[in-house]
């Protein structure tokens, strides 16, 4: 069994978690903007 493989998987998971921590704060504002845009379209 190669010991380099779990380290590679762990580092990729770590990068993915860091990416999620970067992206997640933007999701609520995007969702609110999308809802506001939809309500704006519905009112017209």
C-alpha atoms as a PDB file:
ATOM      1  CA  UNK A   1       0.000   0.000   0.000  1.00  0.00           C
ATOM      2  CA  UNK A   2       1.353   3.379  -1.013  1.00  0.00           C
ATOM      3  CA  UNK A   3       1.494   5.953   1.781  1.00  0.00           C
ATOM      4  CA  UNK A   4       1.462   8.893  -0.656  1.00  0.00           C
ATOM      5  CA  UNK A   5      -2.135   8.288  -1.736  1.00  0.00           C
ATOM      6  CA  UNK A   6      -3.963   9.121   1.559  1.00  0.00           C
ATOM      7  CA  UNK A   7      -1.845  12.279   1.909  1.00  0.00           C
ATOM      8  CA  UNK A   8      -2.846  13.333  -1.609  1.00  0.00           C
ATOM      9  CA  UNK A   9      -6.538  12.688  -0.877  1.00  0.00           C
ATOM     10  CA  UNK A  10      -6.267  14.589   2.412  1.00  0.00           C
ATOM     11  CA  UNK A  11      -4.605  17.583   0.750  1.00  0.00           C
ATOM     12  CA  UNK A  12      -7.253  17.689  -1.986  1.00  0.00           C
ATOM     13  CA  UNK A  13     -10.019  17.529   0.652  1.00  0.00           C
ATOM     14  CA  UNK A  14      -8.241  20.333   2.541  1.00  0.00           C
ATOM     15  CA  UNK A  15      -8.127  22.472  -0.624  1.00  0.00           C
ATOM     16  CA  UNK A  16     -11.823  21.731  -1.249  1.00  0.00           C
ATOM     17  CA  UNK A  17     -12.738  22.775   2.321  1.00  0.00           C
ATOM     18  CA  UNK A  18     -10.742  25.979   1.959  1.00  0.00           C
ATOM     19  CA  UNK A  19     -12.561  26.680  -1.316  1.00  0.00           C
ATOM     20  CA  UNK A  20     -15.908  26.094   0.412  1.00  0.00           C
ATOM     21  CA  UNK A  21     -14.941  28.500   3.207  1.00  0.00           C
ATOM     22  CA  UNK A  22     -14.125  31.109   0.546  1.00  0.00           C
ATOM     23  CA  UNK A  23     -17.326  30.570  -1.467  1.00  0.00           C
ATOM     24  CA  UNK A  24     -19.936  29.982   1.256  1.00  0.00           C
ATOM     25  CA  UNK A  25     -20.188  33.605   2.535  1.00  0.00           C
ATOM     26  CA  UNK A  26     -21.219  34.688  -0.988  1.00  0.00           C
ATOM     27  CA  UNK A  27     -24.122  32.243  -1.289  1.00  0.00           C
ATOM     28  CA  UNK A  28     -26.693  34.061   0.949  1.00  0.00           C
ATOM     29  CA  UNK A  29     -26.153  37.398  -0.807  1.00  0.00           C
ATOM     30  CA  UNK A  30     -26.411  35.694  -4.212  1.00  0.00           C
ATOM     31  CA  UNK A  31     -29.616  33.982  -3.103  1.00  0.00           C
ATOM     32  CA  UNK A  32     -31.097  37.261  -1.800  1.00  0.00           C
ATOM     33  CA  UNK A  33     -30.166  39.055  -5.029  1.00  0.00           C
ATOM     34  CA  UNK A  34     -31.757  36.247  -7.051  1.00  0.00           C
ATOM     35  CA  UNK A  35     -34.966  36.453  -5.004  1.00  0.00           C
ATOM     36  CA  UNK A  36     -35.060  40.246  -5.364  1.00  0.00           C
ATOM     37  CA  UNK A  37     -34.552  39.907  -9.124  1.00  0.00           C
ATOM     38  CA  UNK A  38     -37.366  37.328  -9.382  1.00  0.00           C
ATOM     39  CA  UNK A  39     -39.750  39.490  -7.347  1.00  0.00           C
ATOM     40  CA  UNK A  40     -38.798  42.477  -9.547  1.00  0.00           C
ATOM     41  CA  UNK A  41     -39.652  40.420 -12.644  1.00  0.00           C
ATOM     42  CA  UNK A  42     -42.926  39.272 -11.082  1.00  0.00           C
ATOM     43  CA  UNK A  43     -43.992  42.844 -10.235  1.00  0.00           C
ATOM     44  CA  UNK A  44     -43.512  44.086 -13.808  1.00  0.00           C
END
